[in-house]
N, C-alpha and C. Protein backbone atom coordinates (compact mmCIF):
# COMPACT_ATOMS: atom_id res chain seq x y z
N UNK A 1 -38.56 131.33 122.12
CA UNK A 1 -37.72 131.89 122.66
C UNK A 1 -36.39 132.13 122.18
N UNK A 2 -37.28 130.75 123.20
CA UNK A 2 -34.89 129.25 122.97
C UNK A 2 -35.54 129.68 121.70
N UNK A 3 -36.33 129.22 120.53
CA UNK A 3 -36.12 128.19 119.78
C UNK A 3 -35.79 129.68 118.77
N UNK A 4 -35.44 130.71 118.63
CA UNK A 4 -35.13 131.82 118.36
C UNK A 4 -33.31 132.16 118.63
N UNK A 5 -33.78 131.44 119.78
CA UNK A 5 -31.60 132.53 120.47
C UNK A 5 -31.06 131.26 119.87
N UNK A 6 -31.64 129.73 118.88
CA UNK A 6 -30.99 128.93 118.40
C UNK A 6 -30.53 129.05 117.55
N UNK A 7 -31.51 129.09 116.68
CA UNK A 7 -31.78 129.45 114.98
C UNK A 7 -30.38 130.28 115.22
N UNK A 8 -30.16 131.99 116.02
CA UNK A 8 -29.60 132.80 115.65
C UNK A 8 -28.23 132.17 116.19
N UNK A 9 -28.14 131.85 116.97
CA UNK A 9 -26.58 131.12 117.42
C UNK A 9 -26.29 129.95 116.40
N UNK A 10 -26.34 129.14 116.12
CA UNK A 10 -26.76 128.45 114.54
C UNK A 10 -26.18 128.86 113.85
N UNK A 11 -27.09 129.62 114.05
CA UNK A 11 -26.08 130.55 111.98
C UNK A 11 -25.39 131.56 112.75
N UNK A 12 -24.55 131.65 113.04
CA UNK A 12 -23.33 132.61 114.01
C UNK A 12 -22.36 131.69 113.40
N UNK A 13 -23.00 130.49 113.78
CA UNK A 13 -22.01 129.10 113.91
C UNK A 13 -21.64 129.08 113.26
N UNK A 14 -22.75 128.75 111.25
CA UNK A 14 -22.72 128.46 110.21
C UNK A 14 -22.10 129.13 109.46
N UNK A 15 -22.07 130.67 109.73
CA UNK A 15 -21.50 132.05 108.60
C UNK A 15 -19.92 131.82 108.12
N UNK A 16 -19.50 131.92 107.20
CA UNK A 16 -18.17 131.55 106.31
C UNK A 16 -18.17 132.99 105.54
N UNK A 17 -16.68 133.30 106.22
CA UNK A 17 -16.32 135.20 105.92
C UNK A 17 -16.06 134.48 103.77
N UNK A 18 -16.34 135.28 103.82
CA UNK A 18 -16.01 135.71 102.26
C UNK A 18 -15.20 137.09 102.45
N UNK A 19 -14.14 137.14 101.34
CA UNK A 19 -13.44 138.44 101.17
C UNK A 19 -13.38 138.97 99.55
N UNK A 20 -13.87 140.34 99.44
CA UNK A 20 -14.23 140.63 98.01
C UNK A 20 -13.14 141.70 98.15
N UNK A 21 -12.31 141.54 96.97
CA UNK A 21 -10.57 142.64 96.58
C UNK A 21 -10.94 143.29 95.37
N UNK A 22 -11.69 144.49 95.01
CA UNK A 22 -12.06 144.91 93.54
C UNK A 22 -10.11 146.09 93.13
N UNK A 23 -10.02 146.36 92.82
CA UNK A 23 -9.62 147.28 92.17
C UNK A 23 -10.12 147.79 90.38
N UNK A 24 -9.28 149.52 90.85
CA UNK A 24 -9.38 149.96 89.04
C UNK A 24 -8.77 151.90 88.96
N UNK A 25 -9.00 152.19 88.17
CA UNK A 25 -8.58 153.06 87.50
C UNK A 25 -9.85 153.77 86.46
N UNK A 26 -10.02 154.75 87.22
CA UNK A 26 -11.08 155.79 86.29
C UNK A 26 -10.04 156.65 85.83
N UNK A 27 -11.41 157.16 85.13
CA UNK A 27 -10.37 158.80 83.99
C UNK A 27 -10.79 159.47 83.67
N UNK A 28 -11.32 161.15 84.23
CA UNK A 28 -12.21 162.15 83.42
C UNK A 28 -10.94 163.19 82.80
N UNK A 29 -11.57 163.61 81.91
CA UNK A 29 -10.55 164.64 80.80
C UNK A 29 -11.03 165.70 81.24
N UNK A 30 -12.41 165.96 81.94
CA UNK A 30 -13.16 167.04 81.84
C UNK A 30 -12.44 167.84 83.51
N UNK A 31 -13.34 167.20 84.84
CA UNK A 31 -13.31 166.36 85.94
C UNK A 31 -12.38 167.85 86.37
N UNK A 32 -12.41 168.56 87.07
CA UNK A 32 -11.35 169.57 87.61
C UNK A 32 -10.64 168.69 88.58
N UNK A 33 -9.29 168.42 88.90
CA UNK A 33 -8.45 167.80 88.88
C UNK A 33 -7.97 168.15 90.55
N UNK A 34 -8.35 169.07 91.21
CA UNK A 34 -9.08 168.85 92.71
C UNK A 34 -10.12 167.50 93.20
N UNK A 35 -11.36 167.92 92.74
CA UNK A 35 -12.66 166.89 92.85
C UNK A 35 -12.63 165.37 92.73
N UNK A 36 -12.91 164.90 94.08
CA UNK A 36 -12.35 164.09 94.29
C UNK A 36 -13.12 162.96 93.95
N UNK A 37 -13.00 161.00 94.40
CA UNK A 37 -14.17 160.49 92.99
C UNK A 37 -14.13 159.85 94.86
N UNK A 38 -15.35 159.29 95.04
CA UNK A 38 -15.76 158.55 95.97
C UNK A 38 -16.52 157.60 95.81
N UNK A 39 -16.06 155.83 95.59
CA UNK A 39 -16.06 154.82 95.26
C UNK A 39 -16.34 153.65 96.70
N UNK A 40 -17.64 153.16 96.95
CA UNK A 40 -18.17 152.49 97.43
C UNK A 40 -18.21 151.03 97.93
N UNK A 41 -17.63 150.30 98.41
CA UNK A 41 -18.12 148.46 98.52
C UNK A 41 -19.01 148.01 99.09
N UNK A 42 -19.98 147.87 98.70
CA UNK A 42 -20.84 147.56 99.73
C UNK A 42 -21.78 145.74 99.60
N UNK A 43 -23.01 145.36 100.40
CA UNK A 43 -22.80 144.08 100.24
C UNK A 43 -24.45 144.83 100.88
N UNK A 44 -25.41 143.53 100.20
CA UNK A 44 -27.31 143.81 100.52
C UNK A 44 -26.93 142.59 101.55
N UNK A 45 -28.17 143.53 101.96
CA UNK A 45 -28.46 142.66 103.49
C UNK A 45 -29.17 142.77 103.69
N UNK A 46 -30.70 141.90 104.22
CA UNK A 46 -31.82 141.89 104.38
C UNK A 46 -31.85 143.48 105.40
N UNK A 47 -31.66 143.41 106.42
CA UNK A 47 -31.72 144.39 107.25
C UNK A 47 -31.25 145.39 107.01
N UNK A 48 -30.92 146.07 105.51
CA UNK A 48 -30.30 147.49 105.78
C UNK A 48 -28.75 147.58 104.46
N UNK A 49 -28.23 147.19 103.58
CA UNK A 49 -27.02 147.18 103.16
C UNK A 49 -25.58 147.98 103.60
N UNK A 50 -24.33 147.39 103.73
CA UNK A 50 -23.18 146.46 105.05
C UNK A 50 -22.52 147.27 103.84
N UNK A 51 -22.04 148.85 104.57
CA UNK A 51 -20.16 148.84 103.83
C UNK A 51 -19.20 148.75 104.21
N UNK A 52 -18.54 147.73 102.83
CA UNK A 52 -17.67 146.85 103.69
C UNK A 52 -16.11 148.17 103.30
N UNK A 53 -16.09 148.29 103.33
CA UNK A 53 -15.58 149.96 102.51
C UNK A 53 -15.22 151.01 101.87
N UNK A 54 -15.16 151.67 102.06
CA UNK A 54 -15.02 153.16 100.78
C UNK A 54 -13.81 153.61 100.94
N UNK A 55 -14.15 154.42 99.89
CA UNK A 55 -12.47 154.57 99.38
C UNK A 55 -12.75 156.96 98.60
N UNK A 56 -12.37 157.43 99.26
CA UNK A 56 -12.10 158.88 98.21
C UNK A 56 -10.87 159.12 98.21
N UNK A 57 -10.54 158.96 96.14
CA UNK A 57 -9.30 159.51 95.48
C UNK A 57 -9.39 160.26 94.44
N UNK A 58 -8.47 160.95 94.54
CA UNK A 58 -8.13 161.98 93.58
C UNK A 58 -7.59 162.01 92.18
N UNK A 59 -7.04 162.32 91.13
CA UNK A 59 -6.50 162.68 89.56
C UNK A 59 -5.32 161.22 90.35
N UNK A 60 -5.17 160.38 89.97
CA UNK A 60 -5.63 159.33 88.05
C UNK A 60 -7.01 158.54 88.82
N UNK A 61 -7.24 158.69 89.51
CA UNK A 61 -8.49 157.82 90.24
C UNK A 61 -8.27 156.74 90.73
N UNK A 62 -6.95 155.62 90.66
CA UNK A 62 -7.01 154.70 91.26
C UNK A 62 -7.56 154.77 92.13
N UNK A 63 -8.22 153.08 92.67
CA UNK A 63 -8.47 152.41 94.19
C UNK A 63 -8.24 151.50 93.88
N UNK A 64 -8.60 150.86 94.94
CA UNK A 64 -8.26 149.16 95.90
C UNK A 64 -9.23 149.05 97.00
N UNK A 65 -10.01 148.76 96.56
CA UNK A 65 -10.71 148.12 98.29
C UNK A 65 -10.63 147.09 98.40
N UNK A 66 -11.04 146.56 99.74
CA UNK A 66 -10.84 144.85 100.09
C UNK A 66 -11.95 145.51 101.72
N UNK A 67 -13.34 144.50 100.77
CA UNK A 67 -14.17 144.20 102.35
C UNK A 67 -13.91 142.54 102.56
N UNK A 68 -15.07 142.12 103.41
CA UNK A 68 -15.30 140.50 103.94
C UNK A 68 -16.67 141.21 105.00
N UNK A 69 -16.98 139.66 104.78
CA UNK A 69 -18.85 139.61 105.25
C UNK A 69 -19.05 137.89 105.86
N UNK A 70 -19.50 138.02 106.75
CA UNK A 70 -19.83 136.47 107.68
C UNK A 70 -21.60 137.10 106.86
N UNK A 71 -21.54 136.09 106.60
CA UNK A 71 -22.62 135.04 105.49
C UNK A 71 -22.79 133.70 105.95
N UNK A 72 -23.73 133.09 105.83
CA UNK A 72 -24.35 132.10 105.29
C UNK A 72 -23.65 130.35 104.22
N UNK A 73 -24.87 131.50 102.92
CA UNK A 73 -23.97 130.76 101.87
C UNK A 73 -23.32 131.59 100.98
N UNK A 74 -23.42 132.52 100.61
CA UNK A 74 -23.64 134.21 99.88
C UNK A 74 -23.43 135.29 99.68
N UNK A 75 -23.03 136.05 99.66
CA UNK A 75 -22.84 137.31 99.09
C UNK A 75 -23.56 137.62 97.97
N UNK A 76 -23.73 139.06 97.91
CA UNK A 76 -24.24 139.92 97.15
C UNK A 76 -23.36 141.53 97.39
N UNK A 77 -22.16 141.85 96.75
CA UNK A 77 -21.84 142.85 96.75
C UNK A 77 -22.13 143.93 95.22
N UNK A 78 -21.46 145.69 96.12
CA UNK A 78 -22.09 146.00 94.50
C UNK A 78 -20.64 147.58 94.72
N UNK A 79 -21.05 147.50 93.82
CA UNK A 79 -20.36 149.73 93.92
C UNK A 79 -20.80 150.28 93.82
N UNK A 80 -20.57 151.38 94.22
CA UNK A 80 -21.40 152.85 94.26
C UNK A 80 -20.47 153.71 94.07
N UNK A 81 -19.76 154.34 93.27
CA UNK A 81 -19.34 155.11 92.26
C UNK A 81 -19.95 156.52 91.83
N UNK A 82 -19.67 157.65 93.31
CA UNK A 82 -20.01 158.39 93.06
C UNK A 82 -19.15 159.15 91.79
N UNK A 83 -19.38 160.68 90.97
CA UNK A 83 -18.11 161.37 90.97
C UNK A 83 -19.56 162.38 90.49
N UNK A 84 -18.13 163.58 89.38
CA UNK A 84 -19.44 165.10 88.81
C UNK A 84 -17.91 165.00 88.15
N UNK A 85 -17.50 164.20 87.29
CA UNK A 85 -17.65 164.29 86.09
C UNK A 85 -18.63 164.54 84.75
N UNK A 86 -17.49 165.86 84.14
CA UNK A 86 -18.66 166.19 83.27
C UNK A 86 -19.51 167.28 84.02
N UNK A 87 -18.96 168.19 85.10
CA UNK A 87 -19.69 168.83 85.93
C UNK A 87 -21.64 168.48 86.18
N UNK A 88 -21.34 166.74 86.33
CA UNK A 88 -22.72 167.00 86.66
C UNK A 88 -22.25 165.59 87.61
N UNK A 89 -23.03 165.22 88.81
CA UNK A 89 -23.36 164.34 89.96
C UNK A 89 -23.56 163.20 89.41
N UNK A 90 -23.42 162.73 90.18
CA UNK A 90 -23.55 161.70 89.14
C UNK A 90 -23.29 159.56 90.45
N UNK A 91 -24.09 158.99 90.05
CA UNK A 91 -24.42 158.07 91.02
C UNK A 91 -24.12 157.21 90.66
N UNK A 92 -23.27 156.21 90.43
CA UNK A 92 -23.88 154.64 89.28
C UNK A 92 -23.03 154.19 90.53
N UNK A 93 -24.23 153.01 90.06
CA UNK A 93 -24.21 151.32 91.43
C UNK A 93 -23.95 150.20 90.34
N UNK A 94 -22.66 149.10 90.27
CA UNK A 94 -22.46 147.87 89.78
C UNK A 94 -22.45 146.50 90.67
N UNK A 95 -23.80 146.13 90.08
CA UNK A 95 -24.01 144.73 90.25
C UNK A 95 -22.98 143.86 90.42
N UNK A 96 -22.67 142.16 91.67
CA UNK A 96 -21.45 141.98 91.66
C UNK A 96 -22.07 140.60 91.27
N UNK A 97 -23.46 140.42 91.24
CA UNK A 97 -23.89 138.80 91.70
C UNK A 97 -24.45 138.75 92.67
N UNK A 98 -25.12 136.82 93.07
CA UNK A 98 -23.98 136.47 94.09
C UNK A 98 -22.38 135.63 94.11
N UNK A 99 -22.11 136.02 95.40
CA UNK A 99 -20.78 135.68 95.57
C UNK A 99 -20.83 134.97 96.65
N UNK A 100 -20.29 133.25 95.98
CA UNK A 100 -20.29 132.45 97.13
C UNK A 100 -18.48 131.20 97.59
N UNK A 101 -17.67 132.93 97.00
CA UNK A 101 -16.19 131.94 96.79
C UNK A 101 -15.94 133.23 96.97
N UNK A 102 -14.42 133.24 97.42
CA UNK A 102 -13.87 134.85 97.72
C UNK A 102 -13.28 135.02 96.55
N UNK A 103 -13.24 136.57 96.15
CA UNK A 103 -12.97 136.97 94.98
C UNK A 103 -12.09 138.41 94.99
N UNK A 104 -11.28 138.04 93.76
CA UNK A 104 -10.13 139.67 93.68
C UNK A 104 -10.99 139.93 92.13
N UNK A 105 -10.71 140.95 91.76
CA UNK A 105 -10.99 141.83 90.87
C UNK A 105 -10.75 143.01 89.79
N UNK A 106 -10.07 143.00 88.87
CA UNK A 106 -8.93 143.78 89.04
C UNK A 106 -10.28 144.58 87.56
N UNK A 107 -10.68 145.40 88.09
CA UNK A 107 -11.51 146.76 86.13
C UNK A 107 -10.88 147.36 85.62
N UNK A 108 -9.21 147.18 85.86
CA UNK A 108 -9.34 148.25 84.60
C UNK A 108 -9.32 149.55 84.88
N UNK A 109 -8.88 149.96 83.50
CA UNK A 109 -9.00 151.13 83.57
C UNK A 109 -10.79 151.32 83.15
N UNK A 110 -11.31 152.16 83.92
CA UNK A 110 -12.44 153.04 82.72
C UNK A 110 -12.52 154.32 82.80
N UNK A 111 -13.06 155.11 81.84
CA UNK A 111 -13.63 156.32 81.77
C UNK A 111 -14.83 156.96 81.61
N UNK A 112 -14.86 158.03 83.17
CA UNK A 112 -16.33 158.03 83.51
C UNK A 112 -17.22 159.04 82.02
N UNK A 113 -16.23 159.55 81.41
CA UNK A 113 -17.36 160.36 80.43
C UNK A 113 -18.45 159.37 79.02
N UNK A 114 -18.45 157.29 79.30
CA UNK A 114 -18.53 156.87 78.87
C UNK A 114 -20.09 156.89 79.30
N UNK A 115 -20.57 156.32 78.58
CA UNK A 115 -21.98 156.62 78.59
C UNK A 115 -22.50 154.85 79.44
N UNK A 116 -21.23 153.82 78.97
CA UNK A 116 -21.48 152.21 79.18
C UNK A 116 -20.45 151.55 80.03
N UNK A 117 -19.67 152.49 80.59
CA UNK A 117 -18.19 152.13 81.75
C UNK A 117 -19.37 151.45 82.55
N UNK A 118 -19.88 151.93 83.39
CA UNK A 118 -20.70 150.51 84.68
C UNK A 118 -21.05 148.75 83.77
N UNK A 119 -22.17 149.61 82.16
CA UNK A 119 -21.12 148.34 81.55
C UNK A 119 -20.42 146.86 81.17
N UNK A 120 -19.91 147.50 81.00
CA UNK A 120 -18.47 147.13 80.78
C UNK A 120 -17.61 146.97 81.88
N UNK A 121 -17.88 147.59 83.48
CA UNK A 121 -17.55 146.76 84.76
C UNK A 121 -18.45 145.62 84.52
N UNK A 122 -19.68 145.59 84.71
CA UNK A 122 -20.15 144.36 84.22
C UNK A 122 -19.99 143.20 83.70
N UNK A 123 -19.70 143.01 82.48
CA UNK A 123 -18.78 142.70 82.02
C UNK A 123 -17.55 141.77 82.57
N UNK A 124 -17.10 143.26 82.95
CA UNK A 124 -15.48 141.92 83.71
C UNK A 124 -16.05 141.56 84.76
N UNK A 125 -16.96 141.79 85.20
CA UNK A 125 -17.66 140.69 86.73
C UNK A 125 -17.77 139.27 86.33
N UNK A 126 -18.16 139.10 85.10
CA UNK A 126 -18.84 137.98 84.76
C UNK A 126 -17.86 137.31 84.35
N UNK A 127 -16.87 138.14 83.94
CA UNK A 127 -15.54 137.25 82.62
C UNK A 127 -14.87 136.34 84.10
N UNK A 128 -13.73 137.49 85.28
CA UNK A 128 -13.16 137.49 86.66
C UNK A 128 -14.06 136.34 87.79
N UNK A 129 -15.68 136.79 87.76
CA UNK A 129 -15.59 135.33 88.60
C UNK A 129 -16.28 134.11 88.61
């Protein structure tokens, strides 16, 4: 029991704070102007994923999220984008991979009607990290 407590205490002492800031603009020409778009900045964890930040945005769908997480070596953040562009409820997940430092990612403008927008966002992550 003492060993487990000691390991937990040492883990807390050695944890590093990582900051992830992301921003971008989504467009959807067919979505009703009052339909919000929901964006979540999440982080994978061993026991359940952590919600770092979230936002409900209305047209023109500009979003800016910042999240912080304490971990030993790295974090694995990801975005969850929920929208109803084209009249279809869609949930898109964009993985960042392992992050070992503070990062800022500007995703620019993405059209939700483009089926390749998640792939394009992943490419932007690779370019900026």
